[in-house]
Amino acid sequence: MIAGIYTIRSIKDNKILVGQSTNVFGRLSQHKFHLRKNTHDNRHLQSAYNKNGIDNFQFDILIICDEEYLYSEENYWCNMLNAHNSSFGYNIKPTNPNGNYRHSEETKLKIAEKLRGSKRSEEFKKKCSIRAKGHKKSIETLEKLRKSCSGKKHTEEAKLKMSNSKKGKPIKFSKEGRAAVNKAHKEWLALGLKNKKIKNEMTGIIYNSVSECLKELNISTSAFYRNINGMGRFTNKYKLHYVRAIK
C-alpha cells in the first residue's frame, strides 16, 4: 500500500482530476470500477468517460508522500493544476491543507438559492400529513428491520436501560413455553438431582445447589431447566459455561 497523490487525465482535452489516498493503486482501481459500472459519484468525470471511453483516460501516481501530508499535497496540486476549474479539471469537492473541507462563498450562495426555490406546496404537505397519520409498518417492513438489526450488539448503556425498564415485570411465557419448562423440570426431578452439587466444567467451580449455580452465573430458572438434562450449555456475558450435576 502506497500513500500519495494520483491523477486521472483526459487525453482528449487534458482535463484532470487530482485525488489522494493511503492506498493509491486501490483507489485508482475503485475509480475504474465505478466508471465501468456507470456509478461514479463525480458526474463530470462519468459523463466524459461515457462519451469517450476508458482509452481516453490516463491513470497516474503524481507523487508518493507520507500519510500526514496527503491533505496539504492534494490542496497544493489542485491549485497548481487548476483542477477545480471546470474548464481544466474534474474536481468538485473543495480541498484544504488541514483536511477541513469547506464550500466556497460562491458555492454556498448557489446552494442557498436552490433551497429557497424548493418550497413544498400546501397540498403536498397535507398529503404527507395524512399518509403519516395512517401509516403502519407492514409485515415485510418489520421483517426487513429485524434482518437489518440482526448481528448488532447493544451498548452497555442501552443494556442497562433495558434492564432497568424490565425490572419488577413478570416474565410472560406462551402455553407451549410453559409446558416445555415444566416438562424439563419434571425430568430434572426424576433424575433425583435437585439437591445435588453442580460443577462448572469450564472453570472447575462447584456450586452446592442449583439455586447457587443460577445466582452465580446469572441464569434464569426457566433457561436452566430448558437446557440442562445432566449437562447444560450456557452463554453468560459472552463466556461459555458447561455445568453438570455431581452424582
Protein backbone atom coordinates (compact mmCIF):
# COMPACT_ATOMS: atom_id res chain seq x y z
CA MET A 1 0.00 0.00 0.00
CA ILE A 2 1.44 3.32 -1.14
CA ALA A 3 0.19 6.70 0.10
CA GLY A 4 0.28 9.59 -2.31
CA ILE A 5 -1.42 11.86 -4.83
CA TYR A 6 -2.88 10.47 -8.06
CA THR A 7 -4.32 11.98 -11.23
CA ILE A 8 -6.89 10.92 -13.81
CA ARG A 9 -6.28 12.85 -17.02
CA SER A 10 -8.32 13.05 -20.20
CA ILE A 11 -6.04 12.61 -23.22
CA LYS A 12 -8.51 14.41 -25.46
CA ASP A 13 -8.63 17.80 -23.68
CA ASN A 14 -6.08 17.39 -20.81
CA LYS A 15 -8.74 17.95 -18.14
CA ILE A 16 -7.54 16.41 -14.90
CA LEU A 17 -8.80 15.06 -11.58
CA VAL A 18 -6.49 15.17 -8.55
CA GLY A 19 -7.00 12.90 -5.57
CA GLN A 20 -5.23 11.49 -2.54
CA SER A 21 -5.28 8.10 -0.84
CA THR A 22 -3.37 5.96 1.64
CA ASN A 23 -3.62 3.19 -0.97
CA VAL A 24 -3.18 4.84 -4.37
CA PHE A 25 -3.36 1.69 -6.50
CA GLY A 26 -6.50 0.51 -4.69
CA ARG A 27 -8.17 3.92 -5.08
CA LEU A 28 -7.43 4.08 -8.81
CA SER A 29 -8.93 0.61 -9.18
CA GLN A 30 -12.09 1.84 -7.44
CA HIS A 31 -12.33 4.77 -9.86
CA LYS A 32 -12.07 2.40 -12.85
CA PHE A 33 -14.64 0.02 -11.38
CA HIS A 34 -17.27 2.73 -10.78
CA LEU A 35 -16.65 4.34 -14.16
CA ARG A 36 -17.24 1.00 -15.90
CA LYS A 37 -20.41 0.41 -13.85
CA ASN A 38 -21.62 3.98 -14.51
CA THR A 39 -21.89 4.57 -10.75
CA HIS A 40 -19.10 7.12 -10.21
CA ASP A 41 -20.03 9.96 -7.82
CA ASN A 42 -18.26 12.55 -9.98
CA ARG A 43 -20.85 13.25 -12.67
CA HIS A 44 -18.45 15.30 -14.84
CA LEU A 45 -15.85 12.53 -14.95
CA GLN A 46 -18.53 9.88 -15.53
CA SER A 47 -20.05 11.88 -18.39
CA ALA A 48 -16.64 12.24 -20.08
CA TYR A 49 -15.99 8.52 -19.61
CA ASN A 50 -19.36 7.56 -21.11
CA LYS A 51 -18.65 9.78 -24.10
CA ASN A 52 -15.00 8.92 -24.82
CA GLY A 53 -14.34 5.53 -23.16
CA ILE A 54 -11.57 4.19 -20.92
CA ASP A 55 -8.87 4.58 -23.58
CA ASN A 56 -9.23 8.36 -23.36
CA PHE A 57 -8.04 8.43 -19.72
CA GLN A 58 -4.62 8.09 -18.16
CA PHE A 59 -4.36 6.99 -14.52
CA ASP A 60 -1.07 8.03 -12.86
CA ILE A 61 0.60 8.47 -9.48
CA LEU A 62 1.70 12.09 -9.22
CA ILE A 63 3.78 11.90 -6.03
CA ILE A 64 4.38 9.49 -3.15
CA CYS A 65 4.27 11.08 0.30
CA ASP A 66 3.70 10.30 3.97
CA GLU A 67 0.10 9.97 5.11
CA GLU A 68 0.29 13.10 7.29
CA TYR A 69 0.97 15.28 4.21
CA LEU A 70 -1.82 13.95 1.98
CA TYR A 71 -4.29 16.80 2.53
CA SER A 72 -1.71 19.55 2.09
CA GLU A 73 -0.27 17.95 -1.06
CA GLU A 74 -3.74 17.39 -2.52
CA ASN A 75 -4.64 21.03 -1.90
CA TYR A 76 -1.34 22.22 -3.41
CA TRP A 77 -1.64 20.18 -6.61
CA CYS A 78 -5.34 21.00 -7.11
CA ASN A 79 -4.44 24.69 -7.01
CA MET A 80 -1.33 24.20 -9.12
CA LEU A 81 -3.17 22.30 -11.88
CA ASN A 82 -6.37 24.37 -11.54
CA ALA A 83 -8.33 21.13 -11.08
CA HIS A 84 -11.38 22.86 -9.56
CA ASN A 85 -11.90 24.99 -12.64
CA SER A 86 -14.44 23.15 -14.81
CA SER A 87 -12.52 24.23 -17.92
CA PHE A 88 -9.34 22.48 -16.76
CA GLY A 89 -10.33 19.86 -14.20
CA TYR A 90 -12.91 17.44 -12.82
CA ASN A 91 -12.55 18.12 -9.08
CA ILE A 92 -15.85 19.00 -7.39
CA LYS A 93 -15.17 18.72 -3.65
CA PRO A 94 -13.16 21.58 -2.13
CA THR A 95 -9.72 20.87 -0.65
CA ASN A 96 -7.99 22.19 2.45
CA PRO A 97 -4.41 21.76 3.70
CA ASN A 98 -5.73 20.51 7.06
CA GLY A 99 -8.47 18.29 5.66
CA ASN A 100 -11.29 20.62 6.73
CA TYR A 101 -13.32 20.79 3.54
CA ARG A 102 -15.38 23.95 3.14
CA HIS A 103 -17.51 25.23 0.30
CA SER A 104 -16.54 28.47 -1.36
CA GLU A 105 -18.75 31.52 -0.86
CA GLU A 106 -19.93 31.20 -4.46
CA THR A 107 -20.98 27.58 -3.89
CA LYS A 108 -22.75 28.49 -0.65
CA LEU A 109 -24.79 31.14 -2.47
CA LYS A 110 -25.78 28.65 -5.19
CA ILE A 111 -26.92 26.10 -2.57
CA ALA A 112 -28.91 28.77 -0.70
CA GLU A 113 -30.64 29.95 -3.87
CA LYS A 114 -31.54 26.38 -4.81
CA LEU A 115 -33.04 25.68 -1.39
CA ARG A 116 -35.08 28.89 -1.42
CA GLY A 117 -36.82 27.82 -4.61
CA SER A 118 -37.66 24.30 -3.40
CA LYS A 119 -40.77 25.07 -1.32
CA ARG A 120 -43.39 22.39 -0.87
CA SER A 121 -46.96 23.22 -1.71
CA GLU A 122 -49.67 23.15 0.98
CA GLU A 123 -51.40 20.32 -0.89
CA PHE A 124 -48.23 18.23 -0.81
CA LYS A 125 -47.75 18.91 2.92
CA LYS A 126 -51.36 17.85 3.62
CA LYS A 127 -50.91 14.59 1.71
CA CYS A 128 -47.72 13.83 3.67
CA SER A 129 -49.52 14.53 6.95
CA ILE A 130 -52.46 12.24 6.13
CA ARG A 131 -50.13 9.48 4.96
CA ALA A 132 -48.03 9.70 8.14
CA LYS A 133 -51.07 9.57 10.46
CA GLY A 134 -52.40 6.38 8.94
CA HIS A 135 -49.04 4.74 8.40
CA LYS A 136 -48.48 1.30 9.84
CA LYS A 137 -45.43 -0.86 9.32
CA SER A 138 -46.22 -3.87 7.15
CA ILE A 139 -45.01 -7.37 8.00
CA GLU A 140 -42.46 -7.12 5.19
CA THR A 141 -41.11 -3.84 6.61
CA LEU A 142 -40.85 -5.32 10.10
CA GLU A 143 -39.02 -8.35 8.70
CA LYS A 144 -36.57 -6.06 6.90
CA LEU A 145 -35.96 -4.13 10.13
CA ARG A 146 -35.40 -7.36 12.03
CA LYS A 147 -32.85 -8.59 9.49
CA SER A 148 -31.06 -5.23 9.43
CA CYS A 149 -30.72 -5.33 13.23
CA SER A 150 -29.59 -8.96 13.46
CA GLY A 151 -25.96 -9.35 14.45
CA LYS A 152 -25.77 -5.89 16.04
CA LYS A 153 -24.77 -5.56 19.69
CA HIS A 154 -26.28 -3.13 22.18
CA THR A 155 -24.01 -0.78 24.10
CA GLU A 156 -23.62 -1.27 27.84
CA GLU A 157 -25.67 1.89 28.42
CA ALA A 158 -28.52 0.56 26.28
CA LYS A 159 -28.39 -2.82 28.06
CA LEU A 160 -28.63 -1.07 31.44
CA LYS A 161 -31.65 0.99 30.31
CA MET A 162 -33.44 -2.12 29.01
CA SER A 163 -32.65 -3.99 32.21
CA ASN A 164 -34.00 -1.19 34.42
CA SER A 165 -37.16 -0.88 32.33
CA LYS A 166 -37.97 -4.58 32.78
CA LYS A 167 -37.21 -4.88 36.49
CA GLY A 168 -40.27 -5.86 38.50
CA LYS A 169 -42.17 -7.04 35.44
CA PRO A 170 -43.14 -10.74 35.38
CA ILE A 171 -41.79 -12.83 32.52
CA LYS A 172 -44.59 -13.99 30.23
CA PHE A 173 -44.37 -17.36 28.52
CA SER A 174 -46.65 -18.88 25.94
CA LYS A 175 -48.54 -22.08 26.77
CA GLU A 176 -46.02 -24.07 24.74
CA GLY A 177 -43.13 -22.35 26.54
CA ARG A 178 -44.56 -23.11 29.99
CA ALA A 179 -45.20 -26.72 29.01
CA ALA A 180 -41.61 -27.14 27.80
CA VAL A 181 -40.20 -25.69 31.05
CA ASN A 182 -42.48 -27.86 33.21
CA LYS A 183 -41.52 -30.97 31.26
CA ALA A 184 -37.80 -30.23 31.63
CA HIS A 185 -38.31 -29.52 35.34
CA LYS A 186 -40.05 -32.87 35.87
CA GLU A 187 -37.27 -34.68 34.01
CA TRP A 188 -34.72 -32.96 36.23
CA LEU A 189 -36.61 -34.01 39.37
CA ALA A 190 -36.96 -37.56 38.01
CA LEU A 191 -33.19 -37.81 37.80
CA GLY A 192 -33.03 -37.16 41.54
CA LEU A 193 -30.57 -34.31 41.05
CA LYS A 194 -32.48 -31.46 42.68
CA ASN A 195 -30.27 -31.25 45.76
CA LYS A 196 -27.06 -32.41 44.10
CA LYS A 197 -23.99 -30.22 43.66
CA ILE A 198 -23.40 -28.57 40.29
CA LYS A 199 -19.96 -28.39 38.70
CA ASN A 200 -18.90 -25.85 36.07
CA GLU A 201 -16.73 -27.85 33.68
CA MET A 202 -15.23 -24.70 32.12
CA THR A 203 -13.97 -23.17 35.37
CA GLY A 204 -13.94 -26.15 37.74
CA ILE A 205 -16.09 -24.29 40.29
CA ILE A 206 -18.53 -26.43 42.29
CA TYR A 207 -21.87 -25.00 43.47
CA ASN A 208 -23.70 -26.52 46.43
CA SER A 209 -27.13 -26.34 44.78
CA VAL A 210 -28.99 -25.37 41.64
CA SER A 211 -30.08 -22.05 43.16
CA GLU A 212 -26.47 -21.14 43.99
CA CYS A 213 -25.41 -22.01 40.43
CA LEU A 214 -28.18 -19.90 38.94
CA LYS A 215 -27.31 -16.96 41.16
CA GLU A 216 -23.58 -17.03 40.47
CA LEU A 217 -23.95 -17.43 36.69
CA ASN A 218 -26.98 -15.10 36.49
CA ILE A 219 -29.02 -17.72 34.62
CA SER A 220 -32.81 -17.81 34.81
CA THR A 221 -34.52 -20.89 36.22
CA SER A 222 -36.51 -21.41 33.04
CA ALA A 223 -33.37 -21.31 30.88
CA PHE A 224 -31.67 -23.74 33.24
CA TYR A 225 -34.43 -26.35 33.12
CA ARG A 226 -34.94 -25.92 29.37
CA ASN A 227 -31.32 -26.59 28.54
CA ILE A 228 -29.91 -28.92 31.16
CA ASN A 229 -30.52 -32.64 31.40
CA GLY A 230 -27.48 -33.89 33.23
CA MET A 231 -25.26 -31.47 31.25
CA GLY A 232 -26.15 -27.89 30.31
CA ARG A 233 -24.57 -25.34 27.98
CA PHE A 234 -24.99 -21.62 28.76
CA THR A 235 -23.55 -18.36 27.46
CA ASN A 236 -23.24 -15.59 30.01
CA LYS A 237 -21.58 -12.24 29.20
CA TYR A 238 -20.04 -13.80 26.07
CA LYS A 239 -18.50 -16.61 28.18
CA LEU A 240 -19.40 -20.24 27.63
CA HIS A 241 -20.30 -22.46 30.61
CA TYR A 242 -20.84 -26.22 30.75
CA VAL A 243 -22.44 -27.35 34.01
CA ARG A 244 -23.43 -30.79 35.23
CA ALA A 245 -24.75 -32.37 38.40
CA ILE A 246 -22.31 -34.30 40.54
CA LYS A 247 -23.93 -37.62 41.33
